[in-house]
Amino acid sequence: MPDFGSAAIFYTAYTRDDLPKGSRPVTFIFNGGPGSASADLDLGFLGPKDFTLPLPASGPLQLIDNPNTLLDKTDLVFVDPIGTGYSSAVSPGVNSDYWGVERDAQVLSDFVTRYVNVNNRQLSPKYIYGVSYSGIRVPVMSGLLLESETKKYSANKESTNILNGLILNSPLLDLNTDCLRSYDAPCGGVLPTYAMVASYKDKYTRRDGETAEYVDNVREFAAKFNKRAGAEFSGMLKEKPDRTGWDAYLRTQDGADFVNQLYKYTGIGKLYKPGDGLAGNPWVENPNMEPARFTRLLDPKVKLQLTDGRVAIPIDKVDPSFDRTSVAYDYIKTYQKQFIGYDQVSPYLGYNGEIINLWNYRSNHILPPPANGDRTGTSINDLAYSRTLNPALKVLIEHGYYDLNTPFHQNELNIAAAGLSAQMPIKLYEGGHGVDPAHTNDADRVLSDLKDFYDRAPAITPGAGTNVISGMPVLRRLDHAADDLRAAGLNGGRQ
């Protein structure tokens, strides 16, 4: 990576000092976007505290213990990429120098090694947790960290734990197979999500039997859909669709049965017979329906939210997935001052809407054959490469059934095509995008799966800590200000 100078990386770390560092895991946590800070994953998600609503107009938050925190299993380091939170490039560099797959992953990987060195965590089991876009960010970071081995560590190199595992929550793994963002990608991978949303909304058909059985049936139809997309209606997967093959297929009984299956599973359109026209049947107009269109057609009175198809929003409201407004989180500044004792004058940029439109998805990191080639917008090769560097690397992938932004079945197909299904299980839950134990019907199972993931790590030796917060372990509170530490072009958080 070219030298773009220094950058100040802001982070929030919670550690248990009552357990020995050598066996105590540490997890580095990144949000998505690109352009999202980590605060959403801290307060009320994985961190030690939550707050009650409504937010006060002024004064302190009503903080409560978060029963879903992972602090009983791992220390937590919430990291803000450059241009989010308080993180920024240091002059003469500018933030946009780091707004791309490769540069972002490199600077954040350097942060991880810097944090490890400063806090003597070389021996600790290490994990990276990423949400949404971090499905691309985290595997690239993983490859860079494992490839560098222990060269950047300052002590205990012989027995250093480089990286033990990845947790990918609602990950974007491959833009090239994502029919929301790529018009020439077949939409078979999102059909099971359409079916789950339609069933939830009591459209044409309800689920037949148990959820797992129902989803299996739709997966089977999705395979037929993708096969037809490569043949009978391949011409429709173009910027300017060619209807020739599709119209010919529609004149057959198999074509009519195919359209009626789409109607059955989604509740969109109407029953079709060979020769019917386009009127009232969007599947006949174009069978490769992308998620944004689905959200508008399932219920003409409202549109559904891409991040959770169960949620209806007014038709004239911008879907949060497309909103490029930058948002500062005042409540996070209040939390930082109130609970952590950190008081910052600058606004905490929870979401930077400028970043996503300027992001460079091309990655120039050269992988060994056969995984090399064009890696634009995908991290599948990085996942495979990481497993070759550490065959024991654990990977857990979490998805919500109702997430139209990063549909679960498309990632099932992506992982299977790479031959990684056995090593990288995908867990499915009654939830939307960014599976959160506090906002899913499967909260107990989400937590159980996460804790089981950590329990398969090296054994942790119990310590004799004293709880100073009701129900919570001892925490080390870190002052997150950027200081004069410089390593690999980075600032670290100051203890």
Protein backbone atom coordinates (compact mmCIF):
# COMPACT_ATOMS: atom_id res chain seq x y z
CA MET A 1 0.00 0.00 0.00
CA PRO A 2 1.32 3.47 -0.84
CA ASP A 3 2.20 5.66 2.13
CA PHE A 4 -0.59 8.18 2.60
CA GLY A 5 0.82 9.44 5.89
CA SER A 6 -0.76 9.19 9.31
CA ALA A 7 -4.34 8.60 10.31
CA ALA A 8 -6.04 8.95 13.70
CA ILE A 9 -8.17 5.88 14.40
CA PHE A 10 -10.83 6.24 17.08
CA TYR A 11 -11.92 3.17 19.01
CA THR A 12 -13.79 2.15 22.12
CA ALA A 13 -12.41 -0.84 24.03
CA TYR A 14 -13.92 -2.80 26.89
CA THR A 15 -11.65 -5.30 28.61
CA ARG A 16 -11.89 -7.64 31.58
CA ASP A 17 -8.82 -7.20 33.71
CA ASP A 18 -9.79 -10.07 36.00
CA LEU A 19 -8.84 -12.65 33.35
CA PRO A 20 -5.32 -13.30 32.01
CA LYS A 21 -4.60 -11.60 28.69
CA GLY A 22 -2.91 -14.65 27.22
CA SER A 23 -6.09 -16.73 27.15
CA ARG A 24 -8.70 -13.96 27.05
CA PRO A 25 -10.06 -13.44 23.50
CA VAL A 26 -10.23 -9.97 21.96
CA THR A 27 -12.65 -9.10 19.16
CA PHE A 28 -12.30 -6.14 16.77
CA ILE A 29 -15.70 -4.93 15.56
CA PHE A 30 -16.51 -3.02 12.36
CA ASN A 31 -19.77 -1.69 10.97
CA GLY A 32 -20.71 -1.51 7.29
CA GLY A 33 -21.75 1.11 4.76
CA PRO A 34 -19.04 1.79 3.77
CA GLY A 35 -19.43 4.92 5.87
CA SER A 36 -20.83 3.65 9.17
CA ALA A 37 -19.14 4.14 12.54
CA SER A 38 -19.08 1.45 15.21
CA ALA A 39 -21.37 3.09 17.80
CA ASP A 40 -24.46 1.27 16.53
CA LEU A 41 -22.74 -2.02 17.33
CA ASP A 42 -21.63 -0.88 20.78
CA LEU A 43 -24.48 0.75 22.67
CA GLY A 44 -27.36 -1.73 22.94
CA PHE A 45 -25.90 -4.31 20.55
CA LEU A 46 -22.69 -6.04 21.71
CA GLY A 47 -21.30 -3.58 24.26
CA PRO A 48 -21.94 -3.50 28.01
CA LYS A 49 -24.67 -0.85 28.07
CA ASP A 50 -28.03 -0.05 26.50
CA PHE A 51 -30.29 2.95 26.99
CA THR A 52 -34.01 3.46 27.43
CA LEU A 53 -36.23 5.40 25.05
CA PRO A 54 -37.23 8.11 24.47
CA LEU A 55 -33.92 9.93 24.35
CA PRO A 56 -33.90 12.93 26.69
CA ALA A 57 -33.88 16.39 25.12
CA SER A 58 -30.86 17.14 27.28
CA GLY A 59 -29.02 15.68 30.24
CA PRO A 60 -27.94 12.09 30.93
CA LEU A 61 -29.14 8.96 29.17
CA GLN A 62 -31.00 6.34 31.17
CA LEU A 63 -28.38 3.59 30.88
CA ILE A 64 -29.14 -0.04 31.63
CA ASP A 65 -27.01 -3.18 31.49
CA ASN A 66 -27.10 -4.87 28.09
CA PRO A 67 -28.00 -8.55 28.64
CA ASN A 68 -26.75 -9.38 25.13
CA THR A 69 -23.19 -8.16 25.52
CA LEU A 70 -20.40 -10.54 24.57
CA LEU A 71 -18.14 -9.39 27.39
CA ASP A 72 -18.56 -12.71 29.16
CA LYS A 73 -16.76 -14.31 26.21
CA THR A 74 -14.38 -11.73 24.77
CA ASP A 75 -12.91 -8.27 25.20
CA LEU A 76 -14.47 -5.89 22.67
CA VAL A 77 -12.80 -3.22 20.54
CA PHE A 78 -15.22 -1.11 18.47
CA VAL A 79 -13.34 0.60 15.63
CA ASP A 80 -14.36 3.58 13.47
CA PRO A 81 -12.98 3.56 9.91
CA ILE A 82 -11.51 6.79 8.56
CA GLY A 83 -14.14 9.42 7.89
CA THR A 84 -16.53 8.02 10.52
CA GLY A 85 -16.84 8.64 14.27
CA TYR A 86 -13.84 10.81 15.12
CA SER A 87 -11.39 8.94 12.84
CA SER A 88 -9.61 10.97 10.20
CA ALA A 89 -6.54 11.24 8.05
CA VAL A 90 -3.76 13.48 9.34
CA SER A 91 -2.66 16.35 7.07
CA PRO A 92 -1.35 16.40 4.39
CA GLY A 93 -3.40 13.23 3.84
CA VAL A 94 -7.16 13.42 3.32
CA ASN A 95 -9.90 10.99 4.34
CA SER A 96 -10.73 9.98 0.79
CA ASP A 97 -7.20 8.54 0.44
CA TYR A 98 -8.55 5.60 2.47
CA TRP A 99 -11.96 5.21 0.85
CA GLY A 100 -11.46 1.97 -1.03
CA VAL A 101 -11.33 -1.77 -0.37
CA GLU A 102 -7.56 -2.09 -0.29
CA ARG A 103 -6.53 1.08 1.55
CA ASP A 104 -9.31 0.78 4.12
CA ALA A 105 -8.43 -2.85 4.90
CA GLN A 106 -4.72 -2.08 5.10
CA VAL A 107 -5.00 0.82 7.52
CA LEU A 108 -7.48 -1.06 9.74
CA SER A 109 -5.26 -4.16 9.72
CA ASP A 110 -2.39 -1.96 10.83
CA PHE A 111 -4.60 -0.62 13.59
CA VAL A 112 -5.24 -4.17 14.82
CA THR A 113 -1.53 -4.96 15.04
CA ARG A 114 -0.87 -1.59 16.68
CA TYR A 115 -3.54 -2.24 19.31
CA VAL A 116 -2.11 -5.71 19.95
CA ASN A 117 1.41 -4.36 20.41
CA VAL A 118 0.45 -1.46 22.67
CA ASN A 119 -1.78 -3.62 24.88
CA ASN A 120 0.40 -6.76 24.90
CA ARG A 121 -2.30 -8.96 23.38
CA GLN A 122 0.02 -11.03 21.19
CA LEU A 123 -0.98 -14.28 22.90
CA SER A 124 -4.71 -13.57 23.02
CA PRO A 125 -7.08 -15.40 20.67
CA LYS A 126 -8.17 -12.78 18.11
CA TYR A 127 -11.40 -12.35 16.19
CA ILE A 128 -12.83 -9.84 13.76
CA TYR A 129 -16.57 -9.14 13.68
CA GLY A 130 -18.02 -7.32 10.67
CA VAL A 131 -21.51 -6.24 9.59
CA SER A 132 -22.88 -5.66 6.07
CA TYR A 133 -20.14 -4.04 3.89
CA SER A 134 -17.61 -5.44 6.33
CA GLY A 135 -18.35 -8.76 4.64
CA ILE A 136 -15.85 -7.42 2.10
CA ARG A 137 -13.68 -5.44 4.54
CA VAL A 138 -13.09 -8.21 7.11
CA PRO A 139 -11.99 -11.03 4.76
CA VAL A 140 -9.52 -8.68 3.06
CA MET A 141 -8.19 -7.66 6.49
CA SER A 142 -7.98 -11.34 7.42
CA GLY A 143 -5.85 -12.14 4.37
CA LEU A 144 -3.53 -9.20 5.05
CA LEU A 145 -3.07 -10.06 8.74
CA LEU A 146 -2.45 -13.76 8.15
CA GLU A 147 -0.16 -13.09 5.20
CA SER A 148 2.04 -10.75 7.25
CA GLU A 149 2.38 -13.47 9.92
CA THR A 150 4.15 -12.00 12.99
CA LYS A 151 6.39 -9.52 11.19
CA LYS A 152 4.58 -6.47 12.62
CA TYR A 153 4.34 -7.70 16.19
CA SER A 154 6.81 -6.35 18.72
CA ALA A 155 7.03 -9.28 21.19
CA ASN A 156 6.11 -12.92 21.74
CA LYS A 157 6.42 -13.57 18.02
CA GLU A 158 7.05 -17.29 18.37
CA SER A 159 3.70 -17.95 20.05
CA THR A 160 1.63 -15.05 18.72
CA ASN A 161 -2.00 -15.74 17.89
CA ILE A 162 -2.44 -13.90 14.60
CA LEU A 163 -6.12 -14.53 13.90
CA ASN A 164 -8.47 -17.23 15.16
CA GLY A 165 -11.80 -16.44 13.56
CA LEU A 166 -14.26 -14.19 11.75
CA ILE A 167 -17.91 -13.40 12.46
CA LEU A 168 -19.77 -11.94 9.48
CA ASN A 169 -23.20 -10.52 10.27
CA SER A 170 -25.46 -9.97 7.22
CA PRO A 171 -22.37 -9.72 5.04
CA LEU A 172 -22.06 -8.33 1.55
CA LEU A 173 -19.63 -10.84 0.05
CA ASP A 174 -19.88 -10.32 -3.70
CA LEU A 175 -21.32 -7.34 -5.57
CA ASN A 176 -21.06 -9.27 -8.83
CA THR A 177 -23.76 -11.77 -7.80
CA ASP A 178 -25.95 -9.16 -6.08
CA CYS A 179 -29.00 -8.45 -8.25
CA LEU A 180 -29.89 -5.36 -6.19
CA ARG A 181 -26.66 -3.71 -7.34
CA SER A 182 -25.89 -5.54 -10.60
CA TYR A 183 -28.54 -5.72 -13.34
CA ASP A 184 -26.88 -8.71 -15.05
CA ALA A 185 -26.93 -10.92 -11.94
CA PRO A 186 -29.79 -13.44 -11.70
CA CYS A 187 -32.11 -12.87 -8.73
CA GLY A 188 -32.59 -16.52 -7.76
CA GLY A 189 -30.54 -15.92 -4.62
CA VAL A 190 -33.12 -13.50 -3.24
CA LEU A 191 -36.23 -15.62 -3.97
CA PRO A 192 -36.23 -17.36 -0.55
CA THR A 193 -36.18 -13.91 1.09
CA TYR A 194 -39.09 -12.78 -1.10
CA ALA A 195 -41.00 -15.91 -0.09
CA MET A 196 -40.32 -15.37 3.63
CA VAL A 197 -41.43 -11.72 3.44
CA ALA A 198 -44.55 -12.59 1.42
CA SER A 199 -45.44 -15.34 3.87
CA TYR A 200 -44.97 -12.99 6.80
CA LYS A 201 -47.31 -10.51 5.07
CA ASP A 202 -49.91 -13.27 4.43
CA LYS A 203 -49.74 -12.94 0.68
CA TYR A 204 -50.77 -15.60 -1.83
CA THR A 205 -49.47 -18.57 0.10
CA ARG A 206 -48.48 -19.12 3.70
CA ARG A 207 -45.51 -21.22 4.69
CA ASP A 208 -46.03 -24.92 4.14
CA GLY A 209 -44.90 -26.72 7.30
CA GLU A 210 -41.84 -25.69 9.26
CA THR A 211 -39.76 -22.68 8.19
CA ALA A 212 -36.71 -24.80 7.33
CA GLU A 213 -38.77 -27.09 5.10
CA TYR A 214 -40.46 -24.14 3.42
CA VAL A 215 -37.15 -22.41 2.74
CA ASP A 216 -35.73 -25.65 1.32
CA ASN A 217 -38.62 -25.79 -1.15
CA VAL A 218 -37.94 -22.22 -2.28
CA ARG A 219 -34.20 -22.94 -2.52
CA GLU A 220 -35.05 -25.78 -4.92
CA PHE A 221 -37.15 -23.43 -7.04
CA ALA A 222 -34.39 -20.79 -6.88
CA ALA A 223 -32.02 -23.29 -8.49
CA LYS A 224 -34.51 -23.72 -11.35
CA PHE A 225 -34.81 -19.93 -11.59
CA ASN A 226 -31.06 -19.45 -11.95
CA LYS A 227 -30.92 -22.22 -14.55
CA ARG A 228 -33.64 -20.52 -16.58
CA ALA A 229 -31.84 -17.19 -16.15
CA GLY A 230 -28.83 -18.71 -17.89
CA ALA A 231 -30.97 -19.97 -20.77
CA GLU A 232 -34.61 -19.02 -21.45
CA PHE A 233 -34.48 -15.48 -20.12
CA SER A 234 -30.77 -14.67 -20.26
CA GLY A 235 -31.64 -11.79 -22.57
CA MET A 236 -33.54 -10.10 -19.75
CA LEU A 237 -30.35 -9.76 -17.70
CA LYS A 238 -29.12 -6.83 -19.73
CA GLU A 239 -29.22 -3.07 -19.39
CA LYS A 240 -31.45 -3.10 -22.50
CA PRO A 241 -33.36 -6.40 -22.15
CA ASP A 242 -33.91 -8.71 -25.13
CA ARG A 243 -37.31 -10.42 -24.72
CA THR A 244 -36.92 -12.94 -27.55
CA GLY A 245 -36.11 -16.04 -25.49
CA TRP A 246 -38.36 -15.07 -22.61
CA ASP A 247 -41.42 -14.50 -24.80
CA ALA A 248 -40.86 -17.85 -26.49
CA TYR A 249 -40.65 -19.59 -23.10
CA LEU A 250 -43.85 -17.87 -21.94
CA ARG A 251 -45.75 -19.53 -24.78
CA THR A 252 -45.01 -22.94 -23.25
CA GLN A 253 -46.78 -24.65 -20.37
CA ASP A 254 -43.49 -24.91 -18.50
CA GLY A 255 -43.11 -21.15 -18.84
CA ALA A 256 -46.60 -20.59 -17.46
CA ASP A 257 -45.92 -22.96 -14.55
CA PHE A 258 -42.68 -21.09 -13.85
CA VAL A 259 -44.45 -17.70 -13.65
CA ASN A 260 -47.17 -19.18 -11.44
CA GLN A 261 -44.52 -20.51 -9.04
CA LEU A 262 -43.13 -16.98 -8.78
CA TYR A 263 -46.64 -15.76 -8.01
CA LYS A 264 -47.20 -18.51 -5.45
CA TYR A 265 -44.03 -17.75 -3.51
CA THR A 266 -44.21 -13.96 -3.65
CA GLY A 267 -47.85 -12.94 -3.91
CA ILE A 268 -46.93 -10.51 -6.67
CA GLY A 269 -48.78 -10.63 -9.99
CA LYS A 270 -51.55 -13.13 -10.82
CA LEU A 271 -52.07 -16.60 -12.24
CA TYR A 272 -50.82 -16.87 -15.81
CA LYS A 273 -51.56 -19.07 -18.81
CA PRO A 274 -49.69 -19.21 -22.13
CA GLY A 275 -50.59 -16.27 -24.31
CA ASP A 276 -51.60 -13.85 -21.55
CA GLY A 277 -50.26 -10.32 -21.89
CA LEU A 278 -48.09 -8.23 -19.60
CA ALA A 279 -50.92 -6.40 -17.87
CA GLY A 280 -51.03 -6.93 -14.11
CA ASN A 281 -48.16 -9.40 -14.02
CA PRO A 282 -44.74 -7.91 -13.24
CA TRP A 283 -43.10 -11.35 -13.53
CA VAL A 284 -44.13 -11.50 -17.19
CA GLU A 285 -42.80 -8.01 -17.75
CA ASN A 286 -39.41 -9.02 -16.32
CA PRO A 287 -38.78 -12.18 -14.28
CA ASN A 288 -35.49 -10.87 -12.83
CA MET A 289 -37.13 -8.69 -10.17
CA GLU A 290 -34.57 -6.94 -7.98
CA PRO A 291 -35.29 -6.27 -4.28
CA ALA A 292 -36.01 -2.53 -4.54
CA ARG A 293 -38.80 -3.26 -7.03
CA PHE A 294 -40.14 -6.06 -4.85
CA THR A 295 -40.45 -3.65 -1.91
CA ARG A 296 -42.73 -1.42 -3.99
CA LEU A 297 -44.90 -4.12 -5.53
CA LEU A 298 -45.81 -6.42 -2.65
CA ASP A 299 -48.18 -3.85 -1.12
CA PRO A 300 -49.20 -0.90 -3.34
CA LYS A 301 -50.12 1.24 -0.30
CA VAL A 302 -46.61 1.25 1.20
CA LYS A 303 -43.10 0.10 0.43
CA LEU A 304 -41.09 -2.34 2.45
CA GLN A 305 -37.74 -1.60 4.01
CA LEU A 306 -34.77 -3.28 2.33
CA THR A 307 -33.08 -4.00 5.63
CA ASP A 308 -36.19 -5.76 6.96
CA GLY A 309 -39.03 -6.70 4.61
CA ARG A 310 -41.43 -7.00 7.53
CA VAL A 311 -41.25 -3.23 8.08
CA ALA A 312 -43.45 -0.94 5.95
CA ILE A 313 -42.49 2.69 5.31
CA PRO A 314 -44.40 5.47 3.51
CA ILE A 315 -44.06 5.36 -0.26
CA ASP A 316 -42.56 8.86 -0.36
CA LYS A 317 -39.93 8.11 2.30
CA VAL A 318 -36.33 7.39 1.25
CA ASP A 319 -35.29 3.88 2.21
CA PRO A 320 -32.43 4.05 4.74
CA SER A 321 -30.32 1.82 2.46
CA PHE A 322 -30.36 4.54 -0.20
CA ASP A 323 -30.12 7.54 2.13
CA ARG A 324 -26.81 9.36 1.64
CA THR A 325 -27.41 11.92 4.41
CA SER A 326 -24.55 12.26 6.88
CA VAL A 327 -25.68 11.89 10.49
CA ALA A 328 -23.94 12.96 13.71
CA TYR A 329 -24.83 11.00 16.86
CA ASP A 330 -25.24 13.42 19.76
CA TYR A 331 -26.46 10.64 22.03
CA ILE A 332 -23.15 8.81 21.57
CA LYS A 333 -21.25 11.89 22.73
CA THR A 334 -23.53 11.95 25.78
CA TYR A 335 -22.83 8.26 26.43
CA GLN A 336 -19.08 8.72 26.04
CA LYS A 337 -19.03 11.59 28.53
CA GLN A 338 -21.47 9.99 30.96
CA PHE A 339 -20.22 6.39 31.10
CA ILE A 340 -16.65 6.45 29.80
CA GLY A 341 -15.58 9.91 30.92
CA TYR A 342 -14.53 11.02 27.44
CA ASP A 343 -15.61 14.47 26.32
CA GLN A 344 -14.95 15.49 22.71
CA VAL A 345 -15.79 18.84 21.08
CA SER A 346 -16.01 17.47 17.52
CA PRO A 347 -19.25 15.84 16.33
CA TYR A 348 -19.34 12.04 16.32
CA LEU A 349 -20.14 11.14 12.71
CA GLY A 350 -22.25 8.00 13.01
CA TYR A 351 -22.80 7.78 9.27
CA ASN A 352 -20.89 9.57 6.52
CA GLY A 353 -23.09 9.57 3.44
CA GLU A 354 -20.30 10.95 1.25
CA ILE A 355 -18.19 7.80 1.50
CA ILE A 356 -20.33 5.22 -0.28
CA ASN A 357 -20.52 7.20 -3.52
CA LEU A 358 -16.74 7.66 -3.63
CA TRP A 359 -15.72 4.15 -2.59
CA ASN A 360 -13.24 2.26 -4.76
CA TYR A 361 -14.27 -1.41 -4.84
CA ARG A 362 -11.21 -2.59 -6.75
CA SER A 363 -8.63 -4.48 -4.73
CA ASN A 364 -5.10 -4.86 -6.04
CA HIS A 365 -3.92 -7.25 -3.37
CA ILE A 366 -2.46 -10.14 -5.35
CA LEU A 367 -3.49 -13.59 -4.18
CA PRO A 368 -1.70 -16.74 -5.25
CA PRO A 369 -3.27 -18.82 -8.04
CA PRO A 370 -5.93 -19.99 -8.61
CA ALA A 371 -7.62 -17.29 -6.56
CA ASN A 372 -6.07 -14.34 -8.37
CA GLY A 373 -7.78 -12.39 -11.13
CA ASP A 374 -10.40 -9.64 -11.00
CA ARG A 375 -11.38 -9.19 -7.34
CA THR A 376 -13.50 -6.07 -7.80
CA GLY A 377 -16.37 -6.00 -5.33
CA THR A 378 -15.87 -9.49 -3.90
CA SER A 379 -14.20 -11.03 -0.85
CA ILE A 380 -14.89 -14.70 -1.62
CA ASN A 381 -11.30 -15.27 -2.74
CA ASP A 382 -10.05 -13.56 0.40
CA LEU A 383 -12.08 -15.94 2.55
CA ALA A 384 -10.65 -18.93 0.70
CA TYR A 385 -7.14 -17.49 0.89
CA SER A 386 -7.45 -16.90 4.63
CA ARG A 387 -8.39 -20.53 5.13
CA THR A 388 -5.29 -21.64 3.24
CA LEU A 389 -3.13 -19.46 5.49
CA ASN A 390 -4.87 -20.70 8.63
CA PRO A 391 -6.78 -23.95 8.01
CA ALA A 392 -8.12 -23.76 11.57
CA LEU A 393 -9.65 -20.29 11.00
CA LYS A 394 -13.24 -20.34 12.27
CA VAL A 395 -15.90 -18.43 10.31
CA LEU A 396 -19.49 -17.85 11.42
CA ILE A 397 -21.94 -16.16 9.04
CA GLU A 398 -25.24 -14.78 10.40
CA HIS A 399 -28.25 -13.82 8.30
CA GLY A 400 -31.84 -12.72 8.90
CA TYR A 401 -34.61 -14.31 6.83
CA TYR A 402 -36.17 -10.92 6.00
CA ASP A 403 -33.05 -9.04 4.90
CA LEU A 404 -33.55 -7.83 1.32
CA ASN A 405 -30.31 -5.83 1.38
CA THR A 406 -27.95 -8.81 1.68
CA PRO A 407 -30.17 -11.88 1.08
CA PHE A 408 -29.09 -15.05 2.87
CA HIS A 409 -29.50 -17.52 0.03
CA GLN A 410 -27.25 -15.58 -2.33
CA ASN A 411 -24.45 -15.93 0.18
CA GLU A 412 -25.27 -19.60 0.57
CA LEU A 413 -24.74 -19.89 -3.18
CA ASN A 414 -21.55 -17.78 -3.06
CA ILE A 415 -20.02 -19.87 -0.27
CA ALA A 416 -21.06 -23.15 -1.92
CA ALA A 417 -19.59 -22.12 -5.29
CA ALA A 418 -16.27 -21.51 -3.53
CA GLY A 419 -16.39 -24.95 -1.91
CA LEU A 420 -16.45 -23.40 1.57
CA SER A 421 -19.85 -24.46 2.93
CA ALA A 422 -18.49 -27.07 5.31
CA GLN A 423 -15.96 -24.64 6.83
CA MET A 424 -18.23 -21.57 6.97
CA PRO A 425 -21.73 -22.36 8.30
CA ILE A 426 -24.48 -19.83 7.66
CA LYS A 427 -26.89 -19.44 10.57
CA LEU A 428 -30.40 -18.14 9.82
CA TYR A 429 -32.65 -16.22 12.20
CA GLU A 430 -36.07 -14.57 12.36
CA GLY A 431 -34.62 -11.12 11.81
CA GLY A 432 -33.56 -8.51 9.30
CA HIS A 433 -30.26 -6.90 8.32
CA GLY A 434 -27.61 -6.75 11.03
CA VAL A 435 -28.89 -9.61 13.19
CA ASP A 436 -29.25 -8.08 16.64
CA PRO A 437 -30.21 -10.26 19.61
CA ALA A 438 -32.33 -7.40 20.96
CA HIS A 439 -34.42 -7.14 17.77
CA THR A 440 -35.03 -10.69 16.63
CA ASN A 441 -37.45 -13.44 17.59
CA ASP A 442 -34.41 -15.73 17.87
CA ALA A 443 -32.45 -13.78 20.50
CA ASP A 444 -31.57 -16.82 22.60
CA ARG A 445 -30.34 -18.76 19.57
CA VAL A 446 -28.30 -15.81 18.25
CA LEU A 447 -26.48 -15.54 21.59
CA SER A 448 -26.13 -19.30 21.90
CA ASP A 449 -24.51 -19.58 18.46
CA LEU A 450 -22.13 -16.69 19.18
CA LYS A 451 -21.09 -18.10 22.53
CA ASP A 452 -20.65 -21.56 21.07
CA PHE A 453 -18.36 -20.00 18.45
CA TYR A 454 -16.15 -18.55 21.18
CA ASP A 455 -16.30 -21.71 23.28
CA ARG A 456 -14.56 -23.56 20.49
CA ALA A 457 -11.56 -21.26 21.01
CA PRO A 458 -8.59 -22.07 23.30
CA ALA A 459 -9.67 -22.54 26.91
CA ILE A 460 -9.97 -19.43 29.07
CA THR A 461 -8.54 -19.56 32.59
CA PRO A 462 -11.06 -18.13 35.12
CA GLY A 463 -9.99 -15.11 37.13
CA ALA A 464 -11.10 -13.53 40.38
CA GLY A 465 -12.58 -10.24 39.24
CA THR A 466 -15.11 -8.18 41.16
CA ASN A 467 -18.27 -6.87 39.54
CA VAL A 468 -18.44 -3.11 39.89
CA ILE A 469 -21.44 -2.66 37.61
CA SER A 470 -24.58 -4.63 38.37
CA GLY A 471 -24.37 -7.88 36.47
CA MET A 472 -21.27 -6.78 34.59
CA PRO A 473 -17.57 -7.74 34.80
CA VAL A 474 -14.81 -5.30 35.67
CA LEU A 475 -14.16 -3.02 32.69
CA ARG A 476 -11.09 -1.11 31.73
CA ARG A 477 -12.33 2.20 30.38
CA LEU A 478 -10.12 3.53 27.66
CA ASP A 479 -9.69 7.15 26.75
CA HIS A 480 -10.23 7.06 22.98
CA ALA A 481 -8.42 10.26 21.99
CA ALA A 482 -5.85 10.06 19.22
CA ASP A 483 -2.44 10.68 20.69
CA ASP A 484 1.16 10.88 19.57
CA LEU A 485 1.56 7.14 18.99
CA ARG A 486 2.76 6.47 15.47
CA ALA A 487 3.13 3.02 13.96
CA ALA A 488 2.58 1.98 10.39
CA GLY A 489 1.20 5.44 9.74
CA LEU A 490 -1.43 5.18 12.50
CA ASN A 491 -2.48 6.83 15.70
CA GLY A 492 -3.64 4.51 18.46
CA GLY A 493 -6.19 5.10 21.20
CA ARG A 494 -4.56 6.38 24.39
CA GLN A 495 -4.91 4.31 27.55
